[in-house]
């Protein structure tokens, strides 16, 4: 958990037994005293979890549920800076390995505009966008963005690249010394495979959070922003 009591993926990722503790949240119970509960409705499984299992796990926390509308939940999650929501049908059984539609996940992270400064190529067009933001006159690399594209939009974005190609990297903070735990960094070796662009195109990106290395986690393309000047794009959430 962070200082505000919110779950922190980065703290979990960089866990140190000497620095912070991991908190276990329990949300479902699939077996109890040898009985398979997977065919029982979720409400009953969770009632058994709260009544039978939680008293035996004094250091664990029960992951509570809220019977409210989607709009109310989204508003509450967004106002508290949490990552997202999982919604489940209260009468659903547990179906391992199958996505039945009985539960849905919605990420409600941050989002802002970023400038495209290059891309990694694929056999047809591009594999990932390389995006950043301005600090004064310096364009700072923030993320590789692969998610959020349908084929038609990927072609549309790629069409804009033809007249913007340049030979030198426009990002002031590249290369980086390492790729990072999740491969979010760009090393000198990685940069040899990149194609660079004049920083003119602006895109709207959604993401879960900023990492300690100043990269975006779970970045997703939303749209081109042809109405915004690239030099106006700064980091909106430095905290």
C-alpha atoms as a PDB file:
ATOM      1  CA  UNK A   1       0.000   0.000   0.000  1.00  0.00           C
ATOM      2  CA  UNK A   2       1.172   3.579  -0.584  1.00  0.00           C
ATOM      3  CA  UNK A   3       1.163   6.416   1.943  1.00  0.00           C
ATOM      4  CA  UNK A   4      -2.515   7.110   1.166  1.00  0.00           C
ATOM      5  CA  UNK A   5      -3.587   3.516   1.803  1.00  0.00           C
ATOM      6  CA  UNK A   6      -4.107   2.691  -1.860  1.00  0.00           C
ATOM      7  CA  UNK A   7      -2.857  -0.537  -3.468  1.00  0.00           C
ATOM      8  CA  UNK A   8       0.413   0.135  -5.303  1.00  0.00           C
ATOM      9  CA  UNK A   9       1.566  -2.113  -8.125  1.00  0.00           C
ATOM     10  CA  UNK A  10       4.995  -0.468  -8.122  1.00  0.00           C
ATOM     11  CA  UNK A  11       5.523  -1.161  -4.437  1.00  0.00           C
ATOM     12  CA  UNK A  12       4.571  -4.782  -4.987  1.00  0.00           C
ATOM     13  CA  UNK A  13       6.845  -4.999  -8.020  1.00  0.00           C
ATOM     14  CA  UNK A  14       9.777  -3.551  -6.059  1.00  0.00           C
ATOM     15  CA  UNK A  15       8.961  -5.281  -2.782  1.00  0.00           C
ATOM     16  CA  UNK A  16      11.656  -5.387  -0.129  1.00  0.00           C
ATOM     17  CA  UNK A  17      11.057  -7.325   3.082  1.00  0.00           C
ATOM     18  CA  UNK A  18      13.084  -4.747   4.960  1.00  0.00           C
ATOM     19  CA  UNK A  19      11.137  -1.763   3.652  1.00  0.00           C
ATOM     20  CA  UNK A  20       7.447  -2.600   3.419  1.00  0.00           C
ATOM     21  CA  UNK A  21       4.890  -5.338   4.040  1.00  0.00           C
ATOM     22  CA  UNK A  22       2.616  -7.118   1.584  1.00  0.00           C
ATOM     23  CA  UNK A  23      -1.077  -7.121   2.470  1.00  0.00           C
ATOM     24  CA  UNK A  24      -3.212 -10.065   1.338  1.00  0.00           C
ATOM     25  CA  UNK A  25      -6.785  -9.329   0.226  1.00  0.00           C
ATOM     26  CA  UNK A  26      -9.145 -12.315  -0.019  1.00  0.00           C
ATOM     27  CA  UNK A  27     -12.142 -12.110  -2.361  1.00  0.00           C
ATOM     28  CA  UNK A  28     -13.280 -15.673  -3.080  1.00  0.00           C
ATOM     29  CA  UNK A  29     -13.272 -19.149  -1.519  1.00  0.00           C
ATOM     30  CA  UNK A  30     -13.101 -22.182  -3.812  1.00  0.00           C
ATOM     31  CA  UNK A  31     -12.535 -24.988  -1.280  1.00  0.00           C
ATOM     32  CA  UNK A  32     -13.445 -25.387   2.391  1.00  0.00           C
ATOM     33  CA  UNK A  33     -12.645 -28.420   4.545  1.00  0.00           C
ATOM     34  CA  UNK A  34     -12.259 -30.550   1.418  1.00  0.00           C
ATOM     35  CA  UNK A  35     -15.542 -29.403  -0.140  1.00  0.00           C
ATOM     36  CA  UNK A  36     -15.376 -27.972  -3.660  1.00  0.00           C
ATOM     37  CA  UNK A  37     -17.363 -24.719  -3.682  1.00  0.00           C
ATOM     38  CA  UNK A  38     -16.905 -23.789  -7.342  1.00  0.00           C
ATOM     39  CA  UNK A  39     -20.497 -24.653  -8.284  1.00  0.00           C
ATOM     40  CA  UNK A  40     -21.888 -22.577  -5.418  1.00  0.00           C
ATOM     41  CA  UNK A  41     -23.023 -18.994  -6.248  1.00  0.00           C
ATOM     42  CA  UNK A  42     -20.487 -16.246  -5.620  1.00  0.00           C
ATOM     43  CA  UNK A  43     -22.550 -14.714  -2.800  1.00  0.00           C
ATOM     44  CA  UNK A  44     -22.506 -17.981  -0.876  1.00  0.00           C
ATOM     45  CA  UNK A  45     -18.775 -18.509  -1.452  1.00  0.00           C
ATOM     46  CA  UNK A  46     -18.034 -14.999  -0.199  1.00  0.00           C
ATOM     47  CA  UNK A  47     -20.301 -15.452   2.838  1.00  0.00           C
ATOM     48  CA  UNK A  48     -18.342 -18.579   3.770  1.00  0.00           C
ATOM     49  CA  UNK A  49     -15.098 -16.713   3.181  1.00  0.00           C
ATOM     50  CA  UNK A  50     -16.109 -13.924   5.550  1.00  0.00           C
ATOM     51  CA  UNK A  51     -17.639 -16.173   8.219  1.00  0.00           C
ATOM     52  CA  UNK A  52     -15.337 -19.220   8.162  1.00  0.00           C
ATOM     53  CA  UNK A  53     -11.983 -18.391   6.591  1.00  0.00           C
ATOM     54  CA  UNK A  54     -11.285 -14.769   7.534  1.00  0.00           C
ATOM     55  CA  UNK A  55     -11.273 -15.387  11.328  1.00  0.00           C
ATOM     56  CA  UNK A  56      -8.448 -17.888  10.718  1.00  0.00           C
ATOM     57  CA  UNK A  57      -6.390 -15.289   8.770  1.00  0.00           C
ATOM     58  CA  UNK A  58      -6.001 -12.346  11.169  1.00  0.00           C
ATOM     59  CA  UNK A  59      -3.405 -10.590   8.992  1.00  0.00           C
ATOM     60  CA  UNK A  60      -5.503 -10.809   5.798  1.00  0.00           C
ATOM     61  CA  UNK A  61      -8.206  -8.373   4.703  1.00  0.00           C
ATOM     62  CA  UNK A  62     -11.603  -9.132   3.217  1.00  0.00           C
ATOM     63  CA  UNK A  63     -12.064  -7.521  -0.204  1.00  0.00           C
ATOM     64  CA  UNK A  64     -15.504  -6.014   0.233  1.00  0.00           C
ATOM     65  CA  UNK A  65     -18.187  -5.612  -2.433  1.00  0.00           C
ATOM     66  CA  UNK A  66     -20.450  -2.656  -3.149  1.00  0.00           C
ATOM     67  CA  UNK A  67     -23.970  -2.981  -4.520  1.00  0.00           C
ATOM     68  CA  UNK A  68     -24.051   0.342  -6.372  1.00  0.00           C
ATOM     69  CA  UNK A  69     -24.452   1.487  -9.957  1.00  0.00           C
ATOM     70  CA  UNK A  70     -21.544   1.448 -12.388  1.00  0.00           C
ATOM     71  CA  UNK A  71     -21.575   5.250 -12.590  1.00  0.00           C
ATOM     72  CA  UNK A  72     -21.337   5.571  -8.798  1.00  0.00           C
ATOM     73  CA  UNK A  73     -18.476   3.095  -8.601  1.00  0.00           C
ATOM     74  CA  UNK A  74     -16.519   4.659 -11.462  1.00  0.00           C
ATOM     75  CA  UNK A  75     -16.877   8.087  -9.878  1.00  0.00           C
ATOM     76  CA  UNK A  76     -15.652   6.822  -6.494  1.00  0.00           C
ATOM     77  CA  UNK A  77     -12.688   4.943  -7.972  1.00  0.00           C
ATOM     78  CA  UNK A  78     -11.642   7.867 -10.138  1.00  0.00           C
ATOM     79  CA  UNK A  79     -11.867  10.381  -7.270  1.00  0.00           C
ATOM     80  CA  UNK A  80      -9.609   8.194  -5.098  1.00  0.00           C
ATOM     81  CA  UNK A  81      -7.035   7.576  -7.831  1.00  0.00           C
ATOM     82  CA  UNK A  82      -7.564   3.811  -7.830  1.00  0.00           C
ATOM     83  CA  UNK A  83      -6.730   1.651 -10.822  1.00  0.00           C
ATOM     84  CA  UNK A  84     -10.030   0.072 -11.749  1.00  0.00           C
ATOM     85  CA  UNK A  85     -13.055  -2.095 -10.995  1.00  0.00           C
ATOM     86  CA  UNK A  86     -13.970  -5.760 -11.183  1.00  0.00           C
ATOM     87  CA  UNK A  87     -17.718  -6.420 -11.357  1.00  0.00           C
ATOM     88  CA  UNK A  88     -19.176  -9.904 -10.850  1.00  0.00           C
ATOM     89  CA  UNK A  89     -22.632 -11.432 -11.031  1.00  0.00           C
ATOM     90  CA  UNK A  90     -23.600 -12.309  -7.475  1.00  0.00           C
ATOM     91  CA  UNK A  91     -25.149 -15.652  -8.480  1.00  0.00           C
ATOM     92  CA  UNK A  92     -22.293 -16.761 -10.763  1.00  0.00           C
ATOM     93  CA  UNK A  93     -20.397 -20.019 -10.291  1.00  0.00           C
ATOM     94  CA  UNK A  94     -16.611 -20.251 -10.559  1.00  0.00           C
ATOM     95  CA  UNK A  95     -15.547 -21.394 -14.058  1.00  0.00           C
ATOM     96  CA  UNK A  96     -11.760 -21.848 -14.196  1.00  0.00           C
ATOM     97  CA  UNK A  97     -10.162 -21.032 -17.533  1.00  0.00           C
ATOM     98  CA  UNK A  98     -13.381 -19.731 -19.077  1.00  0.00           C
ATOM     99  CA  UNK A  99     -14.428 -16.122 -19.705  1.00  0.00           C
ATOM    100  CA  UNK A 100     -18.170 -16.485 -19.389  1.00  0.00           C
ATOM    101  CA  UNK A 101     -19.122 -12.815 -19.141  1.00  0.00           C
ATOM    102  CA  UNK A 102     -20.146 -13.271 -15.493  1.00  0.00           C
ATOM    103  CA  UNK A 103     -17.408 -10.855 -14.499  1.00  0.00           C
ATOM    104  CA  UNK A 104     -15.941  -7.810 -16.192  1.00  0.00           C
ATOM    105  CA  UNK A 105     -12.844  -5.729 -15.525  1.00  0.00           C
ATOM    106  CA  UNK A 106     -12.622  -2.001 -16.173  1.00  0.00           C
ATOM    107  CA  UNK A 107      -9.386  -0.057 -15.893  1.00  0.00           C
ATOM    108  CA  UNK A 108      -9.874   3.540 -14.765  1.00  0.00           C
ATOM    109  CA  UNK A 109      -6.401   4.965 -14.857  1.00  0.00           C
ATOM    110  CA  UNK A 110      -4.933   8.248 -15.923  1.00  0.00           C
ATOM    111  CA  UNK A 111      -4.824   9.705 -19.366  1.00  0.00           C
ATOM    112  CA  UNK A 112      -3.393  12.639 -21.277  1.00  0.00           C
ATOM    113  CA  UNK A 113      -1.879  13.640 -24.608  1.00  0.00           C
ATOM    114  CA  UNK A 114       1.635  12.580 -25.660  1.00  0.00           C
ATOM    115  CA  UNK A 115       3.861  13.344 -28.646  1.00  0.00           C
ATOM    116  CA  UNK A 116       4.987  10.611 -31.030  1.00  0.00           C
ATOM    117  CA  UNK A 117       8.756  10.732 -31.475  1.00  0.00           C
ATOM    118  CA  UNK A 118       9.253   7.429 -33.247  1.00  0.00           C
ATOM    119  CA  UNK A 119       8.121   3.843 -33.589  1.00  0.00           C
ATOM    120  CA  UNK A 120       9.337   0.276 -33.738  1.00  0.00           C
ATOM    121  CA  UNK A 121       8.539  -1.248 -37.135  1.00  0.00           C
ATOM    122  CA  UNK A 122       6.642  -4.409 -37.971  1.00  0.00           C
ATOM    123  CA  UNK A 123       6.370  -6.277 -41.255  1.00  0.00           C
ATOM    124  CA  UNK A 124       3.282  -4.261 -42.232  1.00  0.00           C
ATOM    125  CA  UNK A 125       3.505  -0.892 -40.442  1.00  0.00           C
ATOM    126  CA  UNK A 126       4.517  -0.481 -36.801  1.00  0.00           C
ATOM    127  CA  UNK A 127       4.680  -2.562 -33.653  1.00  0.00           C
ATOM    128  CA  UNK A 128       4.733   0.209 -31.019  1.00  0.00           C
ATOM    129  CA  UNK A 129       4.614   3.982 -30.831  1.00  0.00           C
ATOM    130  CA  UNK A 130       7.364   5.776 -28.902  1.00  0.00           C
ATOM    131  CA  UNK A 131       5.766   8.693 -27.090  1.00  0.00           C
ATOM    132  CA  UNK A 132       6.849  11.463 -24.758  1.00  0.00           C
ATOM    133  CA  UNK A 133       6.157  14.917 -23.362  1.00  0.00           C
ATOM    134  CA  UNK A 134       7.969  18.231 -23.195  1.00  0.00           C
ATOM    135  CA  UNK A 135       9.997  19.590 -20.301  1.00  0.00           C
ATOM    136  CA  UNK A 136      10.889  23.040 -21.549  1.00  0.00           C
ATOM    137  CA  UNK A 137      12.488  22.473 -24.943  1.00  0.00           C
ATOM    138  CA  UNK A 138      13.348  18.815 -24.245  1.00  0.00           C
ATOM    139  CA  UNK A 139      11.152  15.954 -25.418  1.00  0.00           C
ATOM    140  CA  UNK A 140      11.198  13.254 -22.737  1.00  0.00           C
ATOM    141  CA  UNK A 141      10.513   9.604 -23.572  1.00  0.00           C
ATOM    142  CA  UNK A 142       7.608   8.130 -21.560  1.00  0.00           C
ATOM    143  CA  UNK A 143       6.409   4.869 -23.100  1.00  0.00           C
ATOM    144  CA  UNK A 144       6.164   2.298 -25.841  1.00  0.00           C
ATOM    145  CA  UNK A 145       2.486   1.994 -26.779  1.00  0.00           C
ATOM    146  CA  UNK A 146       1.273  -1.219 -28.417  1.00  0.00           C
ATOM    147  CA  UNK A 147      -2.292  -1.562 -27.168  1.00  0.00           C
ATOM    148  CA  UNK A 148      -5.516   0.081 -28.301  1.00  0.00           C
ATOM    149  CA  UNK A 149      -5.192  -0.235 -32.080  1.00  0.00           C
ATOM    150  CA  UNK A 150      -7.555  -1.873 -34.536  1.00  0.00           C
ATOM    151  CA  UNK A 151      -6.028  -2.604 -37.985  1.00  0.00           C
ATOM    152  CA  UNK A 152      -7.724   0.358 -39.706  1.00  0.00           C
ATOM    153  CA  UNK A 153      -6.533   2.833 -37.071  1.00  0.00           C
ATOM    154  CA  UNK A 154      -3.016   1.387 -37.167  1.00  0.00           C
ATOM    155  CA  UNK A 155      -2.947   2.058 -40.927  1.00  0.00           C
ATOM    156  CA  UNK A 156      -4.314   5.587 -40.416  1.00  0.00           C
ATOM    157  CA  UNK A 157      -1.652   6.467 -37.846  1.00  0.00           C
ATOM    158  CA  UNK A 158       1.122   4.940 -39.933  1.00  0.00           C
ATOM    159  CA  UNK A 159       0.051   6.987 -42.960  1.00  0.00           C
ATOM    160  CA  UNK A 160       1.037  10.156 -41.067  1.00  0.00           C
ATOM    161  CA  UNK A 161       4.626   8.951 -40.560  1.00  0.00           C
ATOM    162  CA  UNK A 162       5.855   9.072 -44.162  1.00  0.00           C
ATOM    163  CA  UNK A 163       6.787  12.778 -44.274  1.00  0.00           C
ATOM    164  CA  UNK A 164       8.010  12.959 -40.675  1.00  0.00           C
ATOM    165  CA  UNK A 165      10.954  10.542 -40.714  1.00  0.00           C
ATOM    166  CA  UNK A 166      14.267  11.819 -39.409  1.00  0.00           C
ATOM    167  CA  UNK A 167      17.630  10.169 -38.770  1.00  0.00           C
ATOM    168  CA  UNK A 168      18.258  11.283 -35.184  1.00  0.00           C
ATOM    169  CA  UNK A 169      16.391  10.485 -31.974  1.00  0.00           C
ATOM    170  CA  UNK A 170      14.272  13.450 -30.760  1.00  0.00           C
ATOM    171  CA  UNK A 171      14.102  12.260 -27.111  1.00  0.00           C
ATOM    172  CA  UNK A 172      16.477  14.028 -24.737  1.00  0.00           C
ATOM    173  CA  UNK A 173      16.545  11.234 -22.127  1.00  0.00           C
ATOM    174  CA  UNK A 174      17.536   8.363 -24.425  1.00  0.00           C
ATOM    175  CA  UNK A 175      19.283   5.961 -24.411  1.00  0.00           C
ATOM    176  CA  UNK A 176      18.516   4.487 -21.009  1.00  0.00           C
ATOM    177  CA  UNK A 177      20.940   2.296 -19.078  1.00  0.00           C
ATOM    178  CA  UNK A 178      18.554  -0.640 -18.801  1.00  0.00           C
ATOM    179  CA  UNK A 179      15.236  -1.989 -20.029  1.00  0.00           C
ATOM    180  CA  UNK A 180      13.649  -2.074 -16.562  1.00  0.00           C
ATOM    181  CA  UNK A 181      11.882  -4.961 -14.894  1.00  0.00           C
ATOM    182  CA  UNK A 182       9.018  -4.924 -17.393  1.00  0.00           C
ATOM    183  CA  UNK A 183      11.003  -3.962 -20.484  1.00  0.00           C
ATOM    184  CA  UNK A 184       9.703  -0.399 -20.579  1.00  0.00           C
ATOM    185  CA  UNK A 185      13.088   1.247 -21.088  1.00  0.00           C
ATOM    186  CA  UNK A 186      14.900   1.921 -24.371  1.00  0.00           C
ATOM    187  CA  UNK A 187      18.588   1.036 -24.410  1.00  0.00           C
ATOM    188  CA  UNK A 188      21.113   1.970 -27.085  1.00  0.00           C
ATOM    189  CA  UNK A 189      20.704  -1.508 -28.588  1.00  0.00           C
ATOM    190  CA  UNK A 190      16.916  -1.097 -28.715  1.00  0.00           C
ATOM    191  CA  UNK A 191      17.273   2.287 -30.389  1.00  0.00           C
ATOM    192  CA  UNK A 192      19.068   0.742 -33.349  1.00  0.00           C
ATOM    193  CA  UNK A 193      15.747  -0.879 -34.305  1.00  0.00           C
ATOM    194  CA  UNK A 194      13.699   2.318 -33.940  1.00  0.00           C
ATOM    195  CA  UNK A 195      12.561   4.714 -36.645  1.00  0.00           C
ATOM    196  CA  UNK A 196      12.491   8.338 -35.526  1.00  0.00           C
ATOM    197  CA  UNK A 197       9.942  11.011 -36.389  1.00  0.00           C
ATOM    198  CA  UNK A 198       9.732  14.762 -36.131  1.00  0.00           C
ATOM    199  CA  UNK A 199       7.722  15.355 -32.940  1.00  0.00           C
ATOM    200  CA  UNK A 200       4.605  16.756 -34.585  1.00  0.00           C
ATOM    201  CA  UNK A 201       1.863  14.179 -33.993  1.00  0.00           C
ATOM    202  CA  UNK A 202      -0.128  14.202 -30.748  1.00  0.00           C
ATOM    203  CA  UNK A 203      -2.043  11.187 -29.446  1.00  0.00           C
ATOM    204  CA  UNK A 204      -4.378  10.643 -26.497  1.00  0.00           C
ATOM    205  CA  UNK A 205      -3.131   7.819 -24.268  1.00  0.00           C
ATOM    206  CA  UNK A 206      -4.694   6.100 -21.264  1.00  0.00           C
ATOM    207  CA  UNK A 207      -2.479   4.414 -18.679  1.00  0.00           C
ATOM    208  CA  UNK A 208      -2.633   2.809 -15.249  1.00  0.00           C
ATOM    209  CA  UNK A 209       0.101   4.866 -13.580  1.00  0.00           C
ATOM    210  CA  UNK A 210       3.581   6.350 -13.811  1.00  0.00           C
ATOM    211  CA  UNK A 211       6.361   4.010 -12.701  1.00  0.00           C
ATOM    212  CA  UNK A 212       9.280   5.151 -10.507  1.00  0.00           C
ATOM    213  CA  UNK A 213      11.391   5.181 -13.685  1.00  0.00           C
ATOM    214  CA  UNK A 214       9.020   7.768 -15.214  1.00  0.00           C
ATOM    215  CA  UNK A 215       7.428   5.402 -17.682  1.00  0.00           C
ATOM    216  CA  UNK A 216       3.761   4.637 -18.267  1.00  0.00           C
ATOM    217  CA  UNK A 217       2.370   1.298 -17.125  1.00  0.00           C
ATOM    218  CA  UNK A 218      -0.328  -0.341 -19.271  1.00  0.00           C
ATOM    219  CA  UNK A 219      -0.361   2.444 -21.866  1.00  0.00           C
ATOM    220  CA  UNK A 220      -3.196   2.290 -24.421  1.00  0.00           C
ATOM    221  CA  UNK A 221      -3.775   4.340 -27.572  1.00  0.00           C
ATOM    222  CA  UNK A 222      -7.104   6.198 -27.622  1.00  0.00           C
ATOM    223  CA  UNK A 223      -7.023   8.652 -30.535  1.00  0.00           C
ATOM    224  CA  UNK A 224      -5.013  11.025 -32.681  1.00  0.00           C
ATOM    225  CA  UNK A 225      -5.252  14.640 -31.510  1.00  0.00           C
ATOM    226  CA  UNK A 226      -4.723  16.684 -34.666  1.00  0.00           C
ATOM    227  CA  UNK A 227      -6.187  19.728 -32.916  1.00  0.00           C
ATOM    228  CA  UNK A 228      -3.348  20.078 -30.372  1.00  0.00           C
ATOM    229  CA  UNK A 229       0.113  21.605 -30.795  1.00  0.00           C
ATOM    230  CA  UNK A 230       2.855  19.140 -29.874  1.00  0.00           C
ATOM    231  CA  UNK A 231       4.859  21.789 -27.996  1.00  0.00           C
ATOM    232  CA  UNK A 232       1.933  22.248 -25.592  1.00  0.00           C
ATOM    233  CA  UNK A 233       2.142  18.633 -24.384  1.00  0.00           C
ATOM    234  CA  UNK A 234       3.644  18.469 -20.900  1.00  0.00           C
ATOM    235  CA  UNK A 235       3.405  15.886 -18.139  1.00  0.00           C
ATOM    236  CA  UNK A 236       0.091  16.509 -16.422  1.00  0.00           C
ATOM    237  CA  UNK A 237       0.511  14.235 -13.430  1.00  0.00           C
ATOM    238  CA  UNK A 238       4.027  14.522 -12.013  1.00  0.00           C
ATOM    239  CA  UNK A 239       3.102  13.043  -8.634  1.00  0.00           C
END
